[in-house]
Amino acid sequence: MKLHLKRLAKEKEVRFPGVEHLRVYEAREREERTGEFVYVVLEGEVVIDLPDGRYLHLRPFEAAHLTGPHLLLPVERALLLEIRA
């Protein structure tokens, strides 16, 4: 299932019926976000800029739970599993 999910997500965003807050997608450009999110990097790398000047650098199979405004910056591209609260 994991390899199939990754292949599908590279083609288009994957959503699951009955689970509106979960999606898997390929992040290719910066995205400004506000709210509560959980991210799991399935492939690639992502840097997350936080408002206080700190940042997170996530690699495959690393995760982060964020509750405020932040900026997603994929390194080239990243395959993300995202849960929005």
N, C-alpha and C. Protein backbone atom coordinates (compact mmCIF):
# COMPACT_ATOMS: atom_id res chain seq x y z
N MET A 1 0.83 -1.20 0.00
CA MET A 1 0.00 0.00 0.00
C MET A 1 0.87 1.26 0.00
N LYS A 2 1.97 1.27 0.75
CA LYS A 2 2.79 2.47 0.86
C LYS A 2 3.34 2.88 -0.51
N LEU A 3 3.90 1.95 -1.25
CA LEU A 3 4.46 2.29 -2.55
C LEU A 3 3.37 2.74 -3.50
N HIS A 4 2.21 2.11 -3.43
CA HIS A 4 1.09 2.49 -4.28
C HIS A 4 0.63 3.91 -3.93
N LEU A 5 0.53 4.23 -2.66
CA LEU A 5 0.12 5.56 -2.22
C LEU A 5 1.12 6.61 -2.70
N LYS A 6 2.41 6.33 -2.59
CA LYS A 6 3.43 7.28 -3.05
C LYS A 6 3.32 7.50 -4.56
N ARG A 7 3.11 6.44 -5.31
CA ARG A 7 2.99 6.57 -6.76
C ARG A 7 1.77 7.41 -7.13
N LEU A 8 0.63 7.15 -6.49
CA LEU A 8 -0.57 7.92 -6.75
C LEU A 8 -0.40 9.40 -6.40
N ALA A 9 0.22 9.67 -5.28
CA ALA A 9 0.39 11.06 -4.81
C ALA A 9 1.33 11.85 -5.72
N LYS A 10 2.23 11.18 -6.41
CA LYS A 10 3.10 11.87 -7.35
C LYS A 10 2.32 12.33 -8.58
N GLU A 11 1.24 11.62 -8.89
CA GLU A 11 0.41 11.97 -10.04
C GLU A 11 -0.60 13.06 -9.70
N LYS A 12 -1.22 12.97 -8.51
CA LYS A 12 -2.19 13.97 -8.07
C LYS A 12 -2.42 13.82 -6.57
N GLU A 13 -3.02 14.81 -5.98
CA GLU A 13 -3.33 14.78 -4.56
C GLU A 13 -4.24 13.59 -4.23
N VAL A 14 -3.94 12.90 -3.13
CA VAL A 14 -4.73 11.73 -2.72
C VAL A 14 -5.55 12.11 -1.50
N ARG A 15 -6.84 11.87 -1.57
CA ARG A 15 -7.76 12.08 -0.45
C ARG A 15 -8.44 10.76 -0.14
N PHE A 16 -8.96 10.63 1.07
CA PHE A 16 -9.61 9.41 1.50
C PHE A 16 -11.06 9.68 1.86
N PRO A 17 -12.00 8.93 1.30
CA PRO A 17 -13.42 9.14 1.60
C PRO A 17 -13.69 9.03 3.11
N GLY A 18 -14.42 10.00 3.63
CA GLY A 18 -14.77 10.00 5.05
C GLY A 18 -13.69 10.56 5.97
N VAL A 19 -12.53 10.91 5.42
CA VAL A 19 -11.43 11.47 6.22
C VAL A 19 -11.00 12.76 5.54
N GLU A 20 -11.82 13.80 5.69
CA GLU A 20 -11.60 15.06 4.97
C GLU A 20 -10.30 15.77 5.33
N HIS A 21 -9.81 15.55 6.53
CA HIS A 21 -8.66 16.31 7.02
C HIS A 21 -7.31 15.67 6.68
N LEU A 22 -7.34 14.59 5.94
CA LEU A 22 -6.11 13.88 5.59
C LEU A 22 -5.90 13.93 4.08
N ARG A 23 -4.67 14.26 3.69
CA ARG A 23 -4.34 14.21 2.27
C ARG A 23 -2.85 13.89 2.12
N VAL A 24 -2.51 13.34 0.96
CA VAL A 24 -1.12 13.07 0.61
C VAL A 24 -0.90 13.77 -0.73
N TYR A 25 0.15 14.56 -0.81
CA TYR A 25 0.39 15.33 -2.03
C TYR A 25 1.87 15.63 -2.19
N GLU A 26 2.23 16.02 -3.40
CA GLU A 26 3.59 16.41 -3.69
C GLU A 26 3.71 17.93 -3.60
N ALA A 27 4.47 18.39 -2.62
CA ALA A 27 4.71 19.83 -2.45
C ALA A 27 5.88 20.22 -3.35
N ARG A 28 5.65 21.22 -4.18
CA ARG A 28 6.69 21.64 -5.13
C ARG A 28 7.11 23.08 -4.91
N GLU A 29 6.30 23.87 -4.22
CA GLU A 29 6.64 25.28 -4.02
C GLU A 29 6.24 25.69 -2.61
N ARG A 30 6.70 26.86 -2.20
CA ARG A 30 6.44 27.35 -0.85
C ARG A 30 4.96 27.57 -0.62
N GLU A 31 4.52 27.29 0.62
CA GLU A 31 3.12 27.46 0.99
C GLU A 31 3.05 28.11 2.37
N GLU A 32 2.35 29.21 2.48
CA GLU A 32 2.11 29.83 3.78
C GLU A 32 0.91 29.15 4.41
N ARG A 33 1.03 28.77 5.67
CA ARG A 33 -0.03 28.05 6.37
C ARG A 33 -0.35 28.71 7.70
N THR A 34 -1.60 28.63 8.09
CA THR A 34 -2.05 29.07 9.41
C THR A 34 -2.97 28.00 9.95
N GLY A 35 -2.81 27.65 11.20
CA GLY A 35 -3.67 26.64 11.80
C GLY A 35 -2.86 25.48 12.34
N GLU A 36 -3.57 24.41 12.68
CA GLU A 36 -2.93 23.24 13.27
C GLU A 36 -2.80 22.14 12.22
N PHE A 37 -1.57 21.67 12.02
CA PHE A 37 -1.27 20.65 11.03
C PHE A 37 -0.29 19.64 11.59
N VAL A 38 -0.39 18.42 11.10
CA VAL A 38 0.63 17.39 11.32
C VAL A 38 1.15 17.03 9.93
N TYR A 39 2.46 17.02 9.77
CA TYR A 39 3.09 16.66 8.51
C TYR A 39 3.98 15.44 8.73
N VAL A 40 3.94 14.51 7.79
CA VAL A 40 4.86 13.38 7.76
C VAL A 40 5.48 13.38 6.37
N VAL A 41 6.80 13.43 6.31
CA VAL A 41 7.50 13.43 5.03
C VAL A 41 7.66 11.98 4.57
N LEU A 42 7.08 11.65 3.43
CA LEU A 42 7.19 10.31 2.87
C LEU A 42 8.38 10.19 1.92
N GLU A 43 8.73 11.30 1.29
CA GLU A 43 9.83 11.30 0.33
C GLU A 43 10.34 12.74 0.18
N GLY A 44 11.62 12.90 -0.03
CA GLY A 44 12.18 14.23 -0.19
C GLY A 44 12.48 14.88 1.16
N GLU A 45 12.57 16.20 1.15
CA GLU A 45 12.84 16.96 2.36
C GLU A 45 12.03 18.24 2.34
N VAL A 46 11.69 18.74 3.52
CA VAL A 46 10.97 20.00 3.63
C VAL A 46 11.55 20.80 4.79
N VAL A 47 11.65 22.11 4.57
CA VAL A 47 12.05 23.03 5.64
C VAL A 47 10.79 23.81 6.02
N ILE A 48 10.55 23.94 7.31
CA ILE A 48 9.38 24.68 7.80
C ILE A 48 9.89 25.88 8.58
N ASP A 49 9.65 27.07 8.05
CA ASP A 49 10.02 28.31 8.75
C ASP A 49 8.95 28.65 9.76
N LEU A 50 9.37 28.96 10.97
CA LEU A 50 8.47 29.34 12.05
C LEU A 50 8.57 30.84 12.28
N PRO A 51 7.53 31.48 12.82
CA PRO A 51 7.52 32.94 12.93
C PRO A 51 8.60 33.52 13.86
N ASP A 52 9.11 32.76 14.79
CA ASP A 52 10.10 33.31 15.74
C ASP A 52 11.54 33.18 15.23
N GLY A 53 11.72 32.90 13.93
CA GLY A 53 13.06 32.80 13.37
C GLY A 53 13.64 31.40 13.41
N ARG A 54 12.96 30.46 14.03
CA ARG A 54 13.43 29.07 14.06
C ARG A 54 12.91 28.34 12.82
N TYR A 55 13.45 27.15 12.60
CA TYR A 55 12.97 26.34 11.48
C TYR A 55 13.10 24.86 11.83
N LEU A 56 12.36 24.04 11.11
CA LEU A 56 12.46 22.58 11.20
C LEU A 56 12.90 22.06 9.84
N HIS A 57 13.79 21.09 9.85
CA HIS A 57 14.22 20.44 8.60
C HIS A 57 13.81 18.98 8.72
N LEU A 58 12.81 18.58 7.93
CA LEU A 58 12.29 17.22 8.00
C LEU A 58 12.75 16.40 6.81
N ARG A 59 13.18 15.19 7.11
CA ARG A 59 13.61 14.23 6.09
C ARG A 59 12.60 13.08 6.05
N PRO A 60 12.75 12.12 5.14
CA PRO A 60 11.78 11.03 5.04
C PRO A 60 11.51 10.34 6.38
N PHE A 61 10.23 10.14 6.63
CA PHE A 61 9.69 9.46 7.82
C PHE A 61 9.83 10.27 9.10
N GLU A 62 10.17 11.56 8.98
CA GLU A 62 10.13 12.45 10.13
C GLU A 62 8.81 13.21 10.08
N ALA A 63 8.36 13.67 11.25
CA ALA A 63 7.06 14.33 11.34
C ALA A 63 7.14 15.57 12.22
N ALA A 64 6.15 16.44 12.07
CA ALA A 64 6.05 17.65 12.90
C ALA A 64 4.58 17.96 13.14
N HIS A 65 4.30 18.46 14.34
CA HIS A 65 2.96 18.94 14.70
C HIS A 65 3.09 20.44 14.95
N LEU A 66 2.40 21.24 14.15
CA LEU A 66 2.50 22.70 14.25
C LEU A 66 1.13 23.29 14.54
N THR A 67 1.10 24.32 15.39
CA THR A 67 -0.18 24.90 15.80
C THR A 67 -0.35 26.36 15.44
N GLY A 68 0.57 26.94 14.75
CA GLY A 68 0.46 28.36 14.40
C GLY A 68 0.88 28.61 12.97
N PRO A 69 1.07 29.87 12.62
CA PRO A 69 1.48 30.19 11.26
C PRO A 69 2.88 29.65 10.96
N HIS A 70 3.07 29.20 9.74
CA HIS A 70 4.37 28.68 9.32
C HIS A 70 4.45 28.68 7.80
N LEU A 71 5.64 28.48 7.29
CA LEU A 71 5.89 28.49 5.86
C LEU A 71 6.56 27.18 5.47
N LEU A 72 5.91 26.42 4.58
CA LEU A 72 6.47 25.16 4.08
C LEU A 72 7.37 25.46 2.88
N LEU A 73 8.58 24.95 2.91
CA LEU A 73 9.52 25.14 1.81
C LEU A 73 10.09 23.77 1.41
N PRO A 74 9.51 23.13 0.39
CA PRO A 74 10.07 21.84 -0.02
C PRO A 74 11.45 22.03 -0.64
N VAL A 75 12.35 21.10 -0.35
CA VAL A 75 13.68 21.10 -0.96
C VAL A 75 13.51 20.34 -2.28
N GLU A 76 13.50 21.06 -3.38
CA GLU A 76 13.14 20.58 -4.71
C GLU A 76 11.68 20.15 -4.72
N ARG A 77 11.35 19.00 -4.17
CA ARG A 77 9.97 18.57 -4.03
C ARG A 77 9.91 17.62 -2.84
N ALA A 78 8.75 17.49 -2.27
CA ALA A 78 8.58 16.58 -1.13
C ALA A 78 7.20 15.95 -1.19
N LEU A 79 7.12 14.70 -0.84
CA LEU A 79 5.85 13.99 -0.77
C LEU A 79 5.42 14.02 0.68
N LEU A 80 4.28 14.68 0.95
CA LEU A 80 3.83 14.90 2.33
C LEU A 80 2.51 14.22 2.62
N LEU A 81 2.39 13.66 3.80
CA LEU A 81 1.11 13.26 4.36
C LEU A 81 0.75 14.38 5.31
N GLU A 82 -0.42 14.95 5.14
CA GLU A 82 -0.84 16.11 5.93
C GLU A 82 -2.16 15.81 6.62
N ILE A 83 -2.21 16.13 7.90
CA ILE A 83 -3.46 16.04 8.67
C ILE A 83 -3.75 17.43 9.19
N ARG A 84 -4.91 17.96 8.82
CA ARG A 84 -5.33 19.30 9.25
C ARG A 84 -6.32 19.15 10.38
N ALA A 85 -6.04 19.85 11.48
CA ALA A 85 -6.94 19.76 12.64
C ALA A 85 -8.12 20.70 12.51
